[in-house]
Amino acid sequence: MIPNEDRKIKEKLKQKTWNEIKTNDSWAIFKIMSEFVDGYEKLSRIGPCVSIFGSARTKKGDQYYELAERIAFKLTQHGYGIITGGGPGIMEAGNKGANRGGGVSVGLNIDLPFEQNDNPYIDRDKNLEFDYFFVRKVMFIKYAQGFVAMPGGFGTLDELFEAITLIQTKKIGKFPIILVGSEFWNGIMEWIKSILLKKYNNVSSKDLELFSIVDREDEVVEIIDNFYNKHHLSPNF
């Protein structure tokens, strides 16, 4: 048996911990609200943009770094701005291409213990900082007229499959989702077809029409141009 005094101390500590949790959660609500408000205010005026995703670890000179820069540049020549996660690697390449093309260059940075630091190619008034991944992800989708997914890691896959899921479930309007680099993406595509579709029937064949796999910047621009000209999209939420 725990002595009464020890039990009282333990209960007091437990109650203090719970009160601290509730207090922290209450204050977090205001921080979350401020991130949404700041994001909405700054991004509501950027015009049609395309979000480019990919690994922060991709180095300058890598074929996909150079391809991402060319894609971003070419999109700006067709009137689109570029949104990236604001960090190094593919994100830097996207902002660099937008900057070189004289287009809108947006960076949605996230506070991380490693990898993430903002790149120098973001427009100063469009460099946003987020503490919460879910707020940042809303901004990517709400203000993008298309997604371009370059080779990347878990973060790239997270953004990609969330966008596909939201379109699949009709929570947002349809927009182009383009996977760049068939060498990288074909393995995932084969797994989706053979395992998710054929073996387990967890997706439908129509779901596979929600995205395209390409290798060249011209293909990216053509898909987005054709879709945008047809539907004249507005923000999704």
Protein backbone atom coordinates (compact mmCIF):
# COMPACT_ATOMS: atom_id res chain seq x y z
CA MET A 1 0.00 0.00 0.00
CA ILE A 2 1.18 3.53 -0.78
CA PRO A 3 1.20 5.74 2.30
CA ASN A 4 -1.44 8.45 2.22
CA GLU A 5 1.13 11.22 2.02
CA ASP A 6 2.87 9.62 -0.95
CA ARG A 7 -0.46 9.10 -2.67
CA LYS A 8 -1.38 12.76 -2.20
CA ILE A 9 1.96 13.89 -3.66
CA LYS A 10 1.55 11.62 -6.67
CA GLU A 11 -2.00 12.85 -7.27
CA LYS A 12 -0.85 16.45 -6.97
CA LEU A 13 1.94 15.88 -9.49
CA LYS A 14 -0.46 14.15 -11.86
CA GLN A 15 -2.95 16.99 -11.60
CA LYS A 16 -0.24 19.58 -12.17
CA THR A 17 0.93 17.75 -15.27
CA TRP A 18 -2.62 17.57 -16.64
CA ASN A 19 -3.18 21.27 -15.95
CA GLU A 20 0.06 22.12 -17.73
CA ILE A 21 -1.03 20.06 -20.73
CA LYS A 22 -4.37 21.86 -20.90
CA THR A 23 -2.70 25.25 -20.59
CA ASN A 24 -0.17 24.47 -23.30
CA ASP A 25 -2.91 23.18 -25.60
CA SER A 26 -4.96 26.33 -25.08
CA TRP A 27 -2.04 28.58 -25.98
CA ALA A 28 -1.20 26.37 -28.96
CA ILE A 29 -4.62 27.14 -30.44
CA PHE A 30 -3.70 30.82 -30.71
CA LYS A 31 -0.34 29.98 -32.29
CA ILE A 32 -2.07 27.73 -34.84
CA MET A 33 -4.63 30.44 -35.60
CA SER A 34 -1.88 33.02 -36.12
CA GLU A 35 -0.10 30.75 -38.59
CA PHE A 36 -3.30 30.24 -40.58
CA VAL A 37 -4.10 33.97 -40.60
CA ASP A 38 -0.58 34.99 -41.61
CA GLY A 39 -0.50 32.34 -44.33
CA TYR A 40 -3.91 33.30 -45.73
CA GLU A 41 -3.07 37.01 -45.78
CA LYS A 42 0.29 36.64 -47.50
CA LEU A 43 -0.63 33.90 -49.97
CA SER A 44 -4.08 35.11 -51.03
CA ARG A 45 -2.42 37.62 -53.38
CA ILE A 46 0.19 35.42 -55.08
CA GLY A 47 -1.87 34.37 -58.12
CA PRO A 48 -1.70 30.98 -59.87
CA CYS A 49 1.20 28.93 -58.50
CA VAL A 50 2.54 25.41 -58.72
CA SER A 51 3.96 23.61 -55.68
CA ILE A 52 7.24 21.76 -56.26
CA PHE A 53 8.32 19.04 -53.82
CA GLY A 54 11.45 16.94 -53.52
CA SER A 55 14.37 16.02 -51.34
CA ALA A 56 16.20 18.61 -49.27
CA ARG A 57 19.28 16.40 -49.70
CA THR A 58 19.54 16.77 -53.48
CA LYS A 59 22.73 18.65 -54.30
CA LYS A 60 23.32 21.35 -56.87
CA GLY A 61 24.52 19.69 -60.05
CA ASP A 62 22.33 16.60 -59.55
CA GLN A 63 20.18 15.87 -62.60
CA TYR A 64 16.97 16.37 -60.63
CA TYR A 65 18.16 19.64 -59.07
CA GLU A 66 18.85 20.97 -62.55
CA LEU A 67 15.57 19.60 -63.88
CA ALA A 68 13.58 21.16 -61.03
CA GLU A 69 15.18 24.52 -61.76
CA ARG A 70 14.30 24.25 -65.45
CA ILE A 71 10.73 23.23 -64.65
CA ALA A 72 10.27 26.20 -62.31
CA PHE A 73 11.81 28.61 -64.81
CA LYS A 74 9.63 27.36 -67.64
CA LEU A 75 6.47 27.54 -65.52
CA THR A 76 7.19 31.20 -64.71
CA GLN A 77 7.42 31.88 -68.44
CA HIS A 78 3.88 30.56 -68.72
CA GLY A 79 2.58 32.81 -65.96
CA TYR A 80 2.79 30.55 -62.91
CA GLY A 81 4.53 31.28 -59.65
CA ILE A 82 6.36 28.61 -57.67
CA ILE A 83 5.73 27.41 -54.12
CA THR A 84 8.29 25.22 -52.35
CA GLY A 85 9.06 24.18 -48.82
CA GLY A 86 11.62 26.98 -48.76
CA GLY A 87 14.62 24.84 -47.85
CA PRO A 88 17.66 23.44 -49.68
CA GLY A 89 17.86 20.77 -52.37
CA ILE A 90 14.92 20.49 -54.77
CA MET A 91 13.18 23.30 -52.92
CA GLU A 92 16.10 25.62 -53.56
CA ALA A 93 16.15 24.58 -57.21
CA GLY A 94 12.45 25.42 -57.57
CA ASN A 95 12.83 28.85 -56.02
CA LYS A 96 15.99 29.47 -58.02
CA GLY A 97 14.21 28.72 -61.28
CA ALA A 98 11.31 30.99 -60.31
CA ASN A 99 13.70 33.76 -59.34
CA ARG A 100 15.66 33.42 -62.58
CA GLY A 101 12.42 33.55 -64.55
CA GLY A 102 11.20 36.69 -62.79
CA GLY A 103 8.17 34.88 -61.36
CA VAL A 104 6.61 34.66 -57.92
CA SER A 105 8.87 32.62 -55.61
CA VAL A 106 7.24 31.43 -52.38
CA GLY A 107 8.89 29.52 -49.54
CA LEU A 108 6.90 27.78 -46.82
CA ASN A 109 9.55 26.99 -44.24
CA ILE A 110 9.15 24.62 -41.32
CA ASP A 111 11.10 24.71 -38.06
CA LEU A 112 13.07 21.43 -37.98
CA PRO A 113 16.07 20.26 -35.91
CA PHE A 114 18.01 19.41 -39.10
CA GLU A 115 18.05 19.94 -42.88
CA GLN A 116 15.71 22.93 -43.04
CA ASN A 117 17.03 26.42 -43.63
CA ASP A 118 15.56 28.93 -46.03
CA ASN A 119 17.22 29.36 -49.41
CA PRO A 120 18.17 32.76 -50.86
CA TYR A 121 15.87 32.61 -53.90
CA ILE A 122 12.55 33.25 -52.12
CA ASP A 123 10.78 36.60 -52.49
CA ARG A 124 11.30 38.46 -49.23
CA ASP A 125 7.62 39.16 -48.71
CA LYS A 126 6.71 35.53 -49.47
CA ASN A 127 9.02 33.72 -47.07
CA LEU A 128 6.80 32.19 -44.39
CA GLU A 129 7.80 30.27 -41.27
CA PHE A 130 5.67 27.50 -39.74
CA ASP A 131 5.88 25.47 -36.56
CA TYR A 132 3.04 23.13 -37.51
CA PHE A 133 3.27 20.75 -40.44
CA PHE A 134 -0.50 20.54 -40.87
CA VAL A 135 -0.86 24.32 -41.27
CA ARG A 136 1.94 24.36 -43.81
CA LYS A 137 0.36 21.49 -45.74
CA VAL A 138 -2.91 23.40 -46.01
CA MET A 139 -1.03 26.32 -47.58
CA PHE A 140 0.62 24.06 -50.14
CA ILE A 141 -2.72 22.74 -51.31
CA LYS A 142 -4.92 25.79 -50.91
CA TYR A 143 -2.84 28.07 -53.11
CA ALA A 144 -1.46 25.62 -55.69
CA GLN A 145 -2.81 25.08 -59.18
CA GLY A 146 -0.73 21.92 -59.50
CA PHE A 147 1.76 19.67 -57.72
CA VAL A 148 5.13 18.67 -59.16
CA ALA A 149 6.76 15.86 -57.16
CA MET A 150 10.46 15.37 -57.80
CA PRO A 151 12.38 12.45 -56.24
CA GLY A 152 12.33 12.79 -52.48
CA GLY A 153 11.90 11.07 -49.14
CA PHE A 154 9.12 10.64 -46.61
CA GLY A 155 8.12 14.31 -46.68
CA THR A 156 7.67 14.28 -50.44
CA LEU A 157 5.63 11.08 -50.26
CA ASP A 158 3.54 12.55 -47.45
CA GLU A 159 2.62 15.64 -49.48
CA LEU A 160 2.01 13.58 -52.62
CA PHE A 161 -0.31 10.99 -51.12
CA GLU A 162 -2.22 13.55 -49.07
CA ALA A 163 -2.99 15.53 -52.22
CA ILE A 164 -4.06 12.38 -54.06
CA THR A 165 -6.26 11.36 -51.12
CA LEU A 166 -7.94 14.76 -50.88
CA ILE A 167 -8.75 14.73 -54.59
CA GLN A 168 -9.80 11.07 -54.51
CA THR A 169 -12.25 11.75 -51.66
CA LYS A 170 -13.43 15.00 -53.31
CA LYS A 171 -12.39 17.12 -50.34
CA ILE A 172 -10.69 19.49 -52.77
CA GLY A 173 -11.07 20.22 -56.45
CA LYS A 174 -9.00 18.23 -58.91
CA PHE A 175 -5.67 19.68 -60.06
CA PRO A 176 -2.68 18.19 -61.91
CA ILE A 177 -0.31 16.01 -59.88
CA ILE A 178 2.86 15.29 -61.81
CA LEU A 179 5.61 12.90 -60.74
CA VAL A 180 8.89 13.78 -62.42
CA GLY A 181 11.46 11.05 -62.99
CA SER A 182 10.14 7.72 -64.25
CA GLU A 183 13.27 5.92 -63.02
CA PHE A 184 12.40 7.01 -59.48
CA TRP A 185 8.60 6.72 -59.56
CA ASN A 186 7.97 3.63 -61.71
CA GLY A 187 8.66 1.26 -58.81
CA ILE A 188 5.98 2.90 -56.66
CA MET A 189 3.60 2.89 -59.61
CA GLU A 190 4.12 -0.83 -60.17
CA TRP A 191 3.52 -1.50 -56.46
CA ILE A 192 0.29 0.52 -56.56
CA LYS A 193 -0.92 -1.40 -59.61
CA SER A 194 0.10 -4.90 -58.52
CA ILE A 195 -0.53 -4.69 -54.76
CA LEU A 196 -3.02 -1.90 -53.98
CA LEU A 197 -5.13 -2.38 -57.10
CA LYS A 198 -4.90 -5.97 -58.31
CA LYS A 199 -4.09 -7.98 -55.18
CA TYR A 200 -5.98 -6.10 -52.45
CA ASN A 201 -8.41 -3.92 -54.41
CA ASN A 202 -7.67 -1.00 -52.07
CA VAL A 203 -7.84 1.58 -54.88
CA SER A 204 -9.71 1.81 -58.15
CA SER A 205 -8.23 1.95 -61.63
CA LYS A 206 -9.70 5.45 -61.95
CA ASP A 207 -7.57 6.60 -59.03
CA LEU A 208 -4.49 5.99 -61.16
CA GLU A 209 -5.67 8.77 -63.47
CA LEU A 210 -5.17 11.35 -60.70
CA PHE A 211 -1.45 11.68 -61.43
CA SER A 212 1.03 11.47 -64.30
CA ILE A 213 4.66 10.37 -64.55
CA VAL A 214 6.92 12.37 -66.88
CA ASP A 215 10.61 13.04 -67.45
CA ARG A 216 10.89 16.42 -69.18
CA GLU A 217 10.04 20.00 -68.25
CA ASP A 218 8.02 20.45 -71.44
CA GLU A 219 5.69 17.65 -70.37
CA VAL A 220 5.13 19.25 -66.97
CA VAL A 221 4.24 22.62 -68.45
CA GLU A 222 2.00 21.10 -71.10
CA ILE A 223 -0.05 19.11 -68.57
CA ILE A 224 -0.53 22.10 -66.26
CA ASP A 225 -1.24 24.53 -69.09
CA ASN A 226 -3.86 22.26 -70.65
CA PHE A 227 -5.57 21.62 -67.34
CA TYR A 228 -5.51 25.23 -66.20
CA ASN A 229 -6.78 26.59 -69.52
CA LYS A 230 -9.63 24.11 -69.41
CA HIS A 231 -10.78 24.67 -65.83
CA HIS A 232 -9.42 28.10 -64.79
CA LEU A 233 -8.92 26.98 -61.20
CA SER A 234 -9.24 28.98 -58.00
CA PRO A 235 -7.90 28.06 -54.52
CA ASN A 236 -9.32 24.77 -53.38
CA PHE A 237 -10.60 25.29 -49.83
